Amino acid sequence: MYETGSLKVSDFGLSALYETKRQDGLLHTTCGTPAYVAPEVINKRGYDGEKADIWSSWVIFFVLLAGYLPFHDANLMVMYKKISKGELKCPEHFPSEVENLLS
């Protein structure tokens, strides 16, 4: 944590370069840590990198609150289907305000 109190989270194991944007203005590099990857990255139709990063931050937030991943599955393809559907079930102990924020 920095002196300003800002927490920085990064994972550059696989990252898309800005220069890889196509004429449609979207990134098409399929990359990311599987449980944290955004649905639009999985669907391979192109994605906005900043919006995909917001999704990944949302997953981190969920994990910090719940203690587990929102769409986890031992089978990678099943997990990707869960992510693509985005059907989230929040823990019962989540206040309604947290559920609203996550949705």
PDB file of N, CA and C in Angstrom:
ATOM      1  N   MET A   1       0.856  -1.165   0.000  1.00  0.00           N
ATOM      2  CA  MET A   1       0.000   0.000   0.000  1.00  0.00           C
ATOM      3  C   MET A   1       0.903   1.228   0.000  1.00  0.00           C
ATOM      4  N   TYR A   2       0.524   2.204  -0.742  1.00  0.00           N
ATOM      5  CA  TYR A   2       1.282   3.440  -0.834  1.00  0.00           C
ATOM      6  C   TYR A   2       0.893   4.394   0.284  1.00  0.00           C
ATOM      7  N   GLU A   3       1.674   5.429   0.457  1.00  0.00           N
ATOM      8  CA  GLU A   3       1.417   6.416   1.508  1.00  0.00           C
ATOM      9  C   GLU A   3       0.043   7.059   1.374  1.00  0.00           C
ATOM     10  N   THR A   4      -0.484   7.101   0.160  1.00  0.00           N
ATOM     11  CA  THR A   4      -1.796   7.714  -0.065  1.00  0.00           C
ATOM     12  C   THR A   4      -2.940   6.800   0.337  1.00  0.00           C
ATOM     13  N   GLY A   5      -2.626   5.553   0.679  1.00  0.00           N
ATOM     14  CA  GLY A   5      -3.665   4.603   1.039  1.00  0.00           C
ATOM     15  C   GLY A   5      -4.273   3.894  -0.152  1.00  0.00           C
ATOM     16  N   SER A   6      -3.693   4.046  -1.325  1.00  0.00           N
ATOM     17  CA  SER A   6      -4.206   3.407  -2.532  1.00  0.00           C
ATOM     18  C   SER A   6      -3.581   2.029  -2.702  1.00  0.00           C
ATOM     19  N   LEU A   7      -4.408   1.033  -2.810  1.00  0.00           N
ATOM     20  CA  LEU A   7      -3.956  -0.325  -3.035  1.00  0.00           C
ATOM     21  C   LEU A   7      -3.866  -0.566  -4.528  1.00  0.00           C
ATOM     22  N   LYS A   8      -2.768  -1.109  -4.987  1.00  0.00           N
ATOM     23  CA  LYS A   8      -2.574  -1.397  -6.408  1.00  0.00           C
ATOM     24  C   LYS A   8      -2.511  -2.909  -6.579  1.00  0.00           C
ATOM     25  N   VAL A   9      -3.288  -3.442  -7.502  1.00  0.00           N
ATOM     26  CA  VAL A   9      -3.316  -4.872  -7.787  1.00  0.00           C
ATOM     27  C   VAL A   9      -2.945  -5.044  -9.253  1.00  0.00           C
ATOM     28  N   SER A  10      -2.016  -5.953  -9.537  1.00  0.00           N
ATOM     29  CA  SER A  10      -1.646  -6.178 -10.932  1.00  0.00           C
ATOM     30  C   SER A  10      -1.271  -7.631 -11.157  1.00  0.00           C
ATOM     31  N   ASP A  11      -1.458  -8.053 -12.380  1.00  0.00           N
ATOM     32  CA  ASP A  11      -1.083  -9.391 -12.823  1.00  0.00           C
ATOM     33  C   ASP A  11      -0.747  -9.258 -14.290  1.00  0.00           C
ATOM     34  N   PHE A  12       0.540  -9.236 -14.591  1.00  0.00           N
ATOM     35  CA  PHE A  12       0.964  -9.044 -15.964  1.00  0.00           C
ATOM     36  C   PHE A  12       1.521 -10.321 -16.567  1.00  0.00           C
ATOM     37  N   GLY A  13       1.125 -11.469 -16.033  1.00  0.00           N
ATOM     38  CA  GLY A  13       1.571 -12.742 -16.593  1.00  0.00           C
ATOM     39  C   GLY A  13       1.194 -12.849 -18.059  1.00  0.00           C
ATOM     40  N   LEU A  14      -0.002 -12.464 -18.378  1.00  0.00           N
ATOM     41  CA  LEU A  14      -0.494 -12.393 -19.755  1.00  0.00           C
ATOM     42  C   LEU A  14      -1.227 -11.079 -19.884  1.00  0.00           C
ATOM     43  N   SER A  15      -0.707 -10.207 -20.714  1.00  0.00           N
ATOM     44  CA  SER A  15      -1.385  -8.930 -20.882  1.00  0.00           C
ATOM     45  C   SER A  15      -1.435  -8.561 -22.357  1.00  0.00           C
ATOM     46  N   ALA A  16      -2.475  -7.866 -22.723  1.00  0.00           N
ATOM     47  CA  ALA A  16      -2.650  -7.432 -24.109  1.00  0.00           C
ATOM     48  C   ALA A  16      -2.005  -6.062 -24.277  1.00  0.00           C
ATOM     49  N   LEU A  17      -1.339  -5.874 -25.364  1.00  0.00           N
ATOM     50  CA  LEU A  17      -0.724  -4.593 -25.656  1.00  0.00           C
ATOM     51  C   LEU A  17      -1.722  -3.685 -26.362  1.00  0.00           C
ATOM     52  N   TYR A  18      -1.663  -2.413 -26.035  1.00  0.00           N
ATOM     53  CA  TYR A  18      -2.562  -1.439 -26.643  1.00  0.00           C
ATOM     54  C   TYR A  18      -2.469  -1.479 -28.165  1.00  0.00           C
ATOM     55  N   GLU A  19      -1.273  -1.747 -28.668  1.00  0.00           N
ATOM     56  CA  GLU A  19      -1.047  -1.774 -30.112  1.00  0.00           C
ATOM     57  C   GLU A  19      -1.761  -2.934 -30.806  1.00  0.00           C
ATOM     58  N   THR A  20      -2.280  -3.890 -30.046  1.00  0.00           N
ATOM     59  CA  THR A  20      -2.950  -5.035 -30.660  1.00  0.00           C
ATOM     60  C   THR A  20      -4.426  -4.771 -30.944  1.00  0.00           C
ATOM     61  N   LYS A  21      -4.880  -3.554 -30.712  1.00  0.00           N
ATOM     62  CA  LYS A  21      -6.263  -3.225 -31.044  1.00  0.00           C
ATOM     63  C   LYS A  21      -6.451  -3.332 -32.546  1.00  0.00           C
ATOM     64  N   ARG A  22      -7.577  -3.851 -32.929  1.00  0.00           N
ATOM     65  CA  ARG A  22      -7.901  -3.957 -34.352  1.00  0.00           C
ATOM     66  C   ARG A  22      -8.662  -2.725 -34.804  1.00  0.00           C
ATOM     67  N   GLN A  23      -9.047  -2.721 -36.053  1.00  0.00           N
ATOM     68  CA  GLN A  23      -9.758  -1.559 -36.610  1.00  0.00           C
ATOM     69  C   GLN A  23     -11.071  -1.288 -35.894  1.00  0.00           C
ATOM     70  N   ASP A  24     -11.644  -2.307 -35.279  1.00  0.00           N
ATOM     71  CA  ASP A  24     -12.900  -2.093 -34.546  1.00  0.00           C
ATOM     72  C   ASP A  24     -12.669  -1.396 -33.213  1.00  0.00           C
ATOM     73  N   GLY A  25     -11.390  -1.131 -32.868  1.00  0.00           N
ATOM     74  CA  GLY A  25     -11.064  -0.447 -31.623  1.00  0.00           C
ATOM     75  C   GLY A  25     -11.036  -1.349 -30.409  1.00  0.00           C
ATOM     76  N   LEU A  26     -11.196  -2.656 -30.625  1.00  0.00           N
ATOM     77  CA  LEU A  26     -11.234  -3.604 -29.525  1.00  0.00           C
ATOM     78  C   LEU A  26      -9.998  -4.491 -29.522  1.00  0.00           C
ATOM     79  N   LEU A  27      -9.668  -5.006 -28.347  1.00  0.00           N
ATOM     80  CA  LEU A  27      -8.600  -5.982 -28.222  1.00  0.00           C
ATOM     81  C   LEU A  27      -9.144  -7.355 -28.576  1.00  0.00           C
ATOM     82  N   HIS A  28      -8.304  -8.195 -29.117  1.00  0.00           N
ATOM     83  CA  HIS A  28      -8.734  -9.547 -29.483  1.00  0.00           C
ATOM     84  C   HIS A  28      -7.782 -10.611 -28.944  1.00  0.00           C
ATOM     85  N   THR A  29      -6.875 -10.225 -28.071  1.00  0.00           N
ATOM     86  CA  THR A  29      -5.946 -11.168 -27.465  1.00  0.00           C
ATOM     87  C   THR A  29      -6.661 -11.870 -26.320  1.00  0.00           C
ATOM     88  N   THR A  30      -6.785 -13.178 -26.405  1.00  0.00           N
ATOM     89  CA  THR A  30      -7.417 -13.921 -25.317  1.00  0.00           C
ATOM     90  C   THR A  30      -6.352 -14.197 -24.273  1.00  0.00           C
ATOM     91  N   CYS A  31      -6.468 -13.499 -23.148  1.00  0.00           N
ATOM     92  CA  CYS A  31      -5.487 -13.674 -22.093  1.00  0.00           C
ATOM     93  C   CYS A  31      -6.132 -13.345 -20.758  1.00  0.00           C
ATOM     94  N   GLY A  32      -5.482 -13.778 -19.718  1.00  0.00           N
ATOM     95  CA  GLY A  32      -5.964 -13.481 -18.378  1.00  0.00           C
ATOM     96  C   GLY A  32      -5.996 -14.718 -17.509  1.00  0.00           C
ATOM     97  N   THR A  33      -6.052 -14.500 -16.219  1.00  0.00           N
ATOM     98  CA  THR A  33      -6.158 -15.584 -15.257  1.00  0.00           C
ATOM     99  C   THR A  33      -7.588 -16.114 -15.337  1.00  0.00           C
ATOM    100  N   PRO A  34      -7.763 -17.403 -15.648  1.00  0.00           N
ATOM    101  CA  PRO A  34      -9.090 -17.939 -15.977  1.00  0.00           C
ATOM    102  C   PRO A  34     -10.240 -17.526 -15.064  1.00  0.00           C
ATOM    103  N   ALA A  35     -10.096 -17.615 -13.774  1.00  0.00           N
ATOM    104  CA  ALA A  35     -11.214 -17.314 -12.875  1.00  0.00           C
ATOM    105  C   ALA A  35     -11.549 -15.825 -12.823  1.00  0.00           C
ATOM    106  N   TYR A  36     -10.659 -14.981 -13.328  1.00  0.00           N
ATOM    107  CA  TYR A  36     -10.839 -13.539 -13.252  1.00  0.00           C
ATOM    108  C   TYR A  36     -11.141 -12.893 -14.600  1.00  0.00           C
ATOM    109  N   VAL A  37     -11.171 -13.689 -15.649  1.00  0.00           N
ATOM    110  CA  VAL A  37     -11.320 -13.146 -17.002  1.00  0.00           C
ATOM    111  C   VAL A  37     -12.774 -12.745 -17.273  1.00  0.00           C
ATOM    112  N   ALA A  38     -12.931 -11.648 -17.996  1.00  0.00           N
ATOM    113  CA  ALA A  38     -14.263 -11.107 -18.291  1.00  0.00           C
ATOM    114  C   ALA A  38     -14.978 -11.939 -19.351  1.00  0.00           C
ATOM    115  N   PRO A  39     -16.310 -11.970 -19.315  1.00  0.00           N
ATOM    116  CA  PRO A  39     -17.081 -12.741 -20.295  1.00  0.00           C
ATOM    117  C   PRO A  39     -16.760 -12.376 -21.741  1.00  0.00           C
ATOM    118  N   GLU A  40     -16.560 -11.087 -22.014  1.00  0.00           N
ATOM    119  CA  GLU A  40     -16.299 -10.680 -23.388  1.00  0.00           C
ATOM    120  C   GLU A  40     -14.945 -11.175 -23.900  1.00  0.00           C
ATOM    121  N   VAL A  41     -14.007 -11.433 -23.000  1.00  0.00           N
ATOM    122  CA  VAL A  41     -12.715 -12.005 -23.399  1.00  0.00           C
ATOM    123  C   VAL A  41     -12.907 -13.470 -23.772  1.00  0.00           C
ATOM    124  N   ILE A  42     -13.703 -14.163 -22.985  1.00  0.00           N
ATOM    125  CA  ILE A  42     -13.989 -15.582 -23.240  1.00  0.00           C
ATOM    126  C   ILE A  42     -14.723 -15.748 -24.571  1.00  0.00           C
ATOM    127  N   ASN A  43     -15.651 -14.846 -24.859  1.00  0.00           N
ATOM    128  CA  ASN A  43     -16.493 -14.974 -26.052  1.00  0.00           C
ATOM    129  C   ASN A  43     -15.765 -14.653 -27.349  1.00  0.00           C
ATOM    130  N   LYS A  44     -14.544 -14.122 -27.252  1.00  0.00           N
ATOM    131  CA  LYS A  44     -13.664 -13.896 -28.405  1.00  0.00           C
ATOM    132  C   LYS A  44     -14.281 -13.034 -29.512  1.00  0.00           C
ATOM    133  N   ARG A  45     -15.047 -12.022 -29.122  1.00  0.00           N
ATOM    134  CA  ARG A  45     -15.623 -11.110 -30.118  1.00  0.00           C
ATOM    135  C   ARG A  45     -14.968  -9.737 -30.057  1.00  0.00           C
ATOM    136  N   GLY A  46     -13.921  -9.626 -29.258  1.00  0.00           N
ATOM    137  CA  GLY A  46     -13.268  -8.350 -29.039  1.00  0.00           C
ATOM    138  C   GLY A  46     -13.754  -7.742 -27.737  1.00  0.00           C
ATOM    139  N   TYR A  47     -12.884  -6.985 -27.092  1.00  0.00           N
ATOM    140  CA  TYR A  47     -13.244  -6.417 -25.806  1.00  0.00           C
ATOM    141  C   TYR A  47     -12.484  -5.127 -25.554  1.00  0.00           C
ATOM    142  N   ASP A  48     -13.044  -4.308 -24.698  1.00  0.00           N
ATOM    143  CA  ASP A  48     -12.417  -3.079 -24.222  1.00  0.00           C
ATOM    144  C   ASP A  48     -11.575  -3.478 -23.008  1.00  0.00           C
ATOM    145  N   GLY A  49     -10.274  -3.262 -23.082  1.00  0.00           N
ATOM    146  CA  GLY A  49      -9.368  -3.678 -22.016  1.00  0.00           C
ATOM    147  C   GLY A  49      -9.691  -3.072 -20.668  1.00  0.00           C
ATOM    148  N   GLU A  50     -10.092  -1.804 -20.655  1.00  0.00           N
ATOM    149  CA  GLU A  50     -10.412  -1.154 -19.388  1.00  0.00           C
ATOM    150  C   GLU A  50     -11.648  -1.770 -18.742  1.00  0.00           C
ATOM    151  N   LYS A  51     -12.652  -2.076 -19.551  1.00  0.00           N
ATOM    152  CA  LYS A  51     -13.865  -2.702 -19.007  1.00  0.00           C
ATOM    153  C   LYS A  51     -13.575  -4.118 -18.524  1.00  0.00           C
ATOM    154  N   ALA A  52     -12.721  -4.843 -19.239  1.00  0.00           N
ATOM    155  CA  ALA A  52     -12.349  -6.192 -18.809  1.00  0.00           C
ATOM    156  C   ALA A  52     -11.588  -6.126 -17.488  1.00  0.00           C
ATOM    157  N   ASP A  53     -10.776  -5.086 -17.293  1.00  0.00           N
ATOM    158  CA  ASP A  53     -10.060  -4.913 -16.025  1.00  0.00           C
ATOM    159  C   ASP A  53     -11.025  -4.602 -14.884  1.00  0.00           C
ATOM    160  N   ILE A  54     -12.094  -3.871 -15.188  1.00  0.00           N
ATOM    161  CA  ILE A  54     -13.102  -3.590 -14.157  1.00  0.00           C
ATOM    162  C   ILE A  54     -13.754  -4.896 -13.711  1.00  0.00           C
ATOM    163  N   TRP A  55     -14.049  -5.782 -14.664  1.00  0.00           N
ATOM    164  CA  TRP A  55     -14.614  -7.084 -14.322  1.00  0.00           C
ATOM    165  C   TRP A  55     -13.666  -7.833 -13.388  1.00  0.00           C
ATOM    166  N   SER A  56     -12.390  -7.875 -13.742  1.00  0.00           N
ATOM    167  CA  SER A  56     -11.412  -8.589 -12.917  1.00  0.00           C
ATOM    168  C   SER A  56     -11.319  -7.982 -11.522  1.00  0.00           C
ATOM    169  N   SER A  57     -11.412  -6.664 -11.428  1.00  0.00           N
ATOM    170  CA  SER A  57     -11.412  -5.998 -10.124  1.00  0.00           C
ATOM    171  C   SER A  57     -12.657  -6.372  -9.330  1.00  0.00           C
ATOM    172  N   TRP A  58     -13.776  -6.498 -10.040  1.00  0.00           N
ATOM    173  CA  TRP A  58     -15.029  -6.926  -9.408  1.00  0.00           C
ATOM    174  C   TRP A  58     -14.860  -8.321  -8.804  1.00  0.00           C
ATOM    175  N   VAL A  59     -14.200  -9.224  -9.536  1.00  0.00           N
ATOM    176  CA  VAL A  59     -13.966 -10.586  -9.029  1.00  0.00           C
ATOM    177  C   VAL A  59     -13.104 -10.525  -7.765  1.00  0.00           C
ATOM    178  N   ILE A  60     -12.062  -9.706  -7.787  1.00  0.00           N
ATOM    179  CA  ILE A  60     -11.209  -9.552  -6.600  1.00  0.00           C
ATOM    180  C   ILE A  60     -12.031  -9.054  -5.422  1.00  0.00           C
ATOM    181  N   PHE A  61     -12.892  -8.083  -5.654  1.00  0.00           N
ATOM    182  CA  PHE A  61     -13.754  -7.538  -4.605  1.00  0.00           C
ATOM    183  C   PHE A  61     -14.649  -8.630  -4.034  1.00  0.00           C
ATOM    184  N   PHE A  62     -15.248  -9.432  -4.919  1.00  0.00           N
ATOM    185  CA  PHE A  62     -16.112 -10.523  -4.475  1.00  0.00           C
ATOM    186  C   PHE A  62     -15.319 -11.500  -3.604  1.00  0.00           C
ATOM    187  N   VAL A  63     -14.126 -11.874  -4.059  1.00  0.00           N
ATOM    188  CA  VAL A  63     -13.294 -12.828  -3.305  1.00  0.00           C
ATOM    189  C   VAL A  63     -12.936 -12.270  -1.931  1.00  0.00           C
ATOM    190  N   LEU A  64     -12.611 -10.988  -1.870  1.00  0.00           N
ATOM    191  CA  LEU A  64     -12.285 -10.376  -0.582  1.00  0.00           C
ATOM    192  C   LEU A  64     -13.462 -10.426   0.383  1.00  0.00           C
ATOM    193  N   LEU A  65     -14.665 -10.261  -0.147  1.00  0.00           N
ATOM    194  CA  LEU A  65     -15.857 -10.271   0.707  1.00  0.00           C
ATOM    195  C   LEU A  65     -16.361 -11.672   1.036  1.00  0.00           C
ATOM    196  N   ALA A  66     -16.321 -12.564   0.052  1.00  0.00           N
ATOM    197  CA  ALA A  66     -16.922 -13.889   0.220  1.00  0.00           C
ATOM    198  C   ALA A  66     -15.915 -14.949   0.670  1.00  0.00           C
ATOM    199  N   GLY A  67     -14.663 -14.785   0.259  1.00  0.00           N
ATOM    200  CA  GLY A  67     -13.657 -15.783   0.605  1.00  0.00           C
ATOM    201  C   GLY A  67     -13.530 -16.887  -0.424  1.00  0.00           C
ATOM    202  N   TYR A  68     -14.227 -16.747  -1.531  1.00  0.00           N
ATOM    203  CA  TYR A  68     -14.141 -17.735  -2.611  1.00  0.00           C
ATOM    204  C   TYR A  68     -14.489 -17.056  -3.936  1.00  0.00           C
ATOM    205  N   LEU A  69     -14.134 -17.718  -5.032  1.00  0.00           N
ATOM    206  CA  LEU A  69     -14.389 -17.171  -6.364  1.00  0.00           C
ATOM    207  C   LEU A  69     -15.869 -17.258  -6.725  1.00  0.00           C
ATOM    208  N   PRO A  70     -16.391 -16.275  -7.455  1.00  0.00           N
ATOM    209  CA  PRO A  70     -17.820 -16.279  -7.781  1.00  0.00           C
ATOM    210  C   PRO A  70     -18.248 -17.338  -8.788  1.00  0.00           C
ATOM    211  N   PHE A  71     -17.373 -17.755  -9.688  1.00  0.00           N
ATOM    212  CA  PHE A  71     -17.773 -18.693 -10.747  1.00  0.00           C
ATOM    213  C   PHE A  71     -16.828 -19.886 -10.825  1.00  0.00           C
ATOM    214  N   HIS A  72     -16.287 -20.320  -9.717  1.00  0.00           N
ATOM    215  CA  HIS A  72     -15.271 -21.381  -9.727  1.00  0.00           C
ATOM    216  C   HIS A  72     -15.843 -22.736 -10.136  1.00  0.00           C
ATOM    217  N   ASP A  73     -15.020 -23.487 -10.861  1.00  0.00           N
ATOM    218  CA  ASP A  73     -15.324 -24.878 -11.191  1.00  0.00           C
ATOM    219  C   ASP A  73     -14.008 -25.565 -11.548  1.00  0.00           C
ATOM    220  N   ALA A  74     -13.846 -26.814 -11.181  1.00  0.00           N
ATOM    221  CA  ALA A  74     -12.620 -27.560 -11.491  1.00  0.00           C
ATOM    222  C   ALA A  74     -12.450 -27.738 -12.998  1.00  0.00           C
ATOM    223  N   ASN A  75     -13.561 -27.786 -13.715  1.00  0.00           N
ATOM    224  CA  ASN A  75     -13.534 -27.922 -15.171  1.00  0.00           C
ATOM    225  C   ASN A  75     -13.507 -26.519 -15.781  1.00  0.00           C
ATOM    226  N   LEU A  76     -12.429 -26.199 -16.490  1.00  0.00           N
ATOM    227  CA  LEU A  76     -12.243 -24.858 -17.042  1.00  0.00           C
ATOM    228  C   LEU A  76     -13.382 -24.445 -17.968  1.00  0.00           C
ATOM    229  N   MET A  77     -13.842 -25.341 -18.824  1.00  0.00           N
ATOM    230  CA  MET A  77     -14.916 -24.994 -19.755  1.00  0.00           C
ATOM    231  C   MET A  77     -16.228 -24.717 -19.018  1.00  0.00           C
ATOM    232  N   VAL A  78     -16.499 -25.473 -17.973  1.00  0.00           N
ATOM    233  CA  VAL A  78     -17.705 -25.235 -17.161  1.00  0.00           C
ATOM    234  C   VAL A  78     -17.601 -23.878 -16.476  1.00  0.00           C
ATOM    235  N   MET A  79     -16.406 -23.563 -15.955  1.00  0.00           N
ATOM    236  CA  MET A  79     -16.207 -22.269 -15.312  1.00  0.00           C
ATOM    237  C   MET A  79     -16.419 -21.139 -16.316  1.00  0.00           C
ATOM    238  N   TYR A  80     -15.896 -21.291 -17.528  1.00  0.00           N
ATOM    239  CA  TYR A  80     -16.090 -20.269 -18.557  1.00  0.00           C
ATOM    240  C   TYR A  80     -17.567 -20.094 -18.903  1.00  0.00           C
ATOM    241  N   LYS A  81     -18.324 -21.181 -18.915  1.00  0.00           N
ATOM    242  CA  LYS A  81     -19.768 -21.076 -19.173  1.00  0.00           C
ATOM    243  C   LYS A  81     -20.453 -20.308 -18.049  1.00  0.00           C
ATOM    244  N   LYS A  82     -20.044 -20.577 -16.807  1.00  0.00           N
ATOM    245  CA  LYS A  82     -20.617 -19.859 -15.665  1.00  0.00           C
ATOM    246  C   LYS A  82     -20.304 -18.361 -15.757  1.00  0.00           C
ATOM    247  N   ILE A  83     -19.057 -18.042 -16.130  1.00  0.00           N
ATOM    248  CA  ILE A  83     -18.668 -16.638 -16.269  1.00  0.00           C
ATOM    249  C   ILE A  83     -19.482 -15.982 -17.378  1.00  0.00           C
ATOM    250  N   SER A  84     -19.613 -16.663 -18.513  1.00  0.00           N
ATOM    251  CA  SER A  84     -20.346 -16.101 -19.656  1.00  0.00           C
ATOM    252  C   SER A  84     -21.804 -15.828 -19.311  1.00  0.00           C
ATOM    253  N   LYS A  85     -22.420 -16.717 -18.540  1.00  0.00           N
ATOM    254  CA  LYS A  85     -23.817 -16.525 -18.134  1.00  0.00           C
ATOM    255  C   LYS A  85     -23.954 -15.446 -17.075  1.00  0.00           C
ATOM    256  N   GLY A  86     -22.911 -15.294 -16.248  1.00  0.00           N
ATOM    257  CA  GLY A  86     -22.916 -14.262 -15.212  1.00  0.00           C
ATOM    258  C   GLY A  86     -23.968 -14.447 -14.144  1.00  0.00           C
ATOM    259  N   GLU A  87     -24.405 -15.670 -13.962  1.00  0.00           N
ATOM    260  CA  GLU A  87     -25.429 -15.942 -12.950  1.00  0.00           C
ATOM    261  C   GLU A  87     -24.755 -16.055 -11.584  1.00  0.00           C
ATOM    262  N   LEU A  88     -24.818 -14.983 -10.830  1.00  0.00           N
ATOM    263  CA  LEU A  88     -24.130 -14.895  -9.550  1.00  0.00           C
ATOM    264  C   LEU A  88     -25.074 -15.188  -8.396  1.00  0.00           C
ATOM    265  N   LYS A  89     -24.604 -16.018  -7.488  1.00  0.00           N
ATOM    266  CA  LYS A  89     -25.343 -16.246  -6.256  1.00  0.00           C
ATOM    267  C   LYS A  89     -24.466 -15.748  -5.114  1.00  0.00           C
ATOM    268  N   CYS A  90     -24.933 -14.711  -4.455  1.00  0.00           N
ATOM    269  CA  CYS A  90     -24.187 -14.128  -3.345  1.00  0.00           C
ATOM    270  C   CYS A  90     -24.406 -14.938  -2.072  1.00  0.00           C
ATOM    271  N   PRO A  91     -23.418 -14.947  -1.198  1.00  0.00           N
ATOM    272  CA  PRO A  91     -23.598 -15.611   0.106  1.00  0.00           C
ATOM    273  C   PRO A  91     -24.732 -14.955   0.888  1.00  0.00           C
ATOM    274  N   GLU A  92     -25.379 -15.732   1.725  1.00  0.00           N
ATOM    275  CA  GLU A  92     -26.524 -15.222   2.496  1.00  0.00           C
ATOM    276  C   GLU A  92     -26.141 -14.088   3.438  1.00  0.00           C
ATOM    277  N   HIS A  93     -24.871 -14.075   3.875  1.00  0.00           N
ATOM    278  CA  HIS A  93     -24.459 -13.045   4.830  1.00  0.00           C
ATOM    279  C   HIS A  93     -24.182 -11.684   4.185  1.00  0.00           C
ATOM    280  N   PHE A  94     -24.251 -11.605   2.860  1.00  0.00           N
ATOM    281  CA  PHE A  94     -24.032 -10.322   2.182  1.00  0.00           C
ATOM    282  C   PHE A  94     -25.231  -9.418   2.424  1.00  0.00           C
ATOM    283  N   PRO A  95     -25.002  -8.196   2.889  1.00  0.00           N
ATOM    284  CA  PRO A  95     -26.110  -7.242   3.002  1.00  0.00           C
ATOM    285  C   PRO A  95     -26.637  -6.893   1.608  1.00  0.00           C
ATOM    286  N   SER A  96     -27.865  -6.447   1.535  1.00  0.00           N
ATOM    287  CA  SER A  96     -28.466  -6.120   0.239  1.00  0.00           C
ATOM    288  C   SER A  96     -27.682  -5.036  -0.492  1.00  0.00           C
ATOM    289  N   GLU A  97     -27.059  -4.112   0.258  1.00  0.00           N
ATOM    290  CA  GLU A  97     -26.259  -3.059  -0.372  1.00  0.00           C
ATOM    291  C   GLU A  97     -25.066  -3.643  -1.127  1.00  0.00           C
ATOM    292  N   VAL A  98     -24.454  -4.678  -0.568  1.00  0.00           N
ATOM    293  CA  VAL A  98     -23.323  -5.328  -1.229  1.00  0.00           C
ATOM    294  C   VAL A  98     -23.802  -6.070  -2.464  1.00  0.00           C
ATOM    295  N   GLU A  99     -24.922  -6.769  -2.355  1.00  0.00           N
ATOM    296  CA  GLU A  99     -25.481  -7.459  -3.513  1.00  0.00           C
ATOM    297  C   GLU A  99     -25.807  -6.483  -4.638  1.00  0.00           C
ATOM    298  N   ASN A 100     -26.376  -5.334  -4.285  1.00  0.00           N
ATOM    299  CA  ASN A 100     -26.688  -4.313  -5.295  1.00  0.00           C
ATOM    300  C   ASN A 100     -25.424  -3.787  -5.942  1.00  0.00           C
ATOM    301  N   LEU A 101     -24.389  -3.571  -5.160  1.00  0.00           N
ATOM    302  CA  LEU A 101     -23.133  -3.077  -5.700  1.00  0.00           C
ATOM    303  C   LEU A 101     -22.519  -4.091  -6.654  1.00  0.00           C
ATOM    304  N   LEU A 102     -22.558  -5.354  -6.280  1.00  0.00           N
ATOM    305  CA  LEU A 102     -21.993  -6.403  -7.125  1.00  0.00           C
ATOM    306  C   LEU A 102     -22.781  -6.607  -8.407  1.00  0.00           C
ATOM    307  N   SER A 103     -24.082  -6.383  -8.344  1.00  0.00           N
ATOM    308  CA  SER A 103     -24.877  -6.598  -9.558  1.00  0.00           C
ATOM    309  C   SER A 103     -24.757  -5.405 -10.482  1.00  0.00           C
TER     310      SER A 103
END
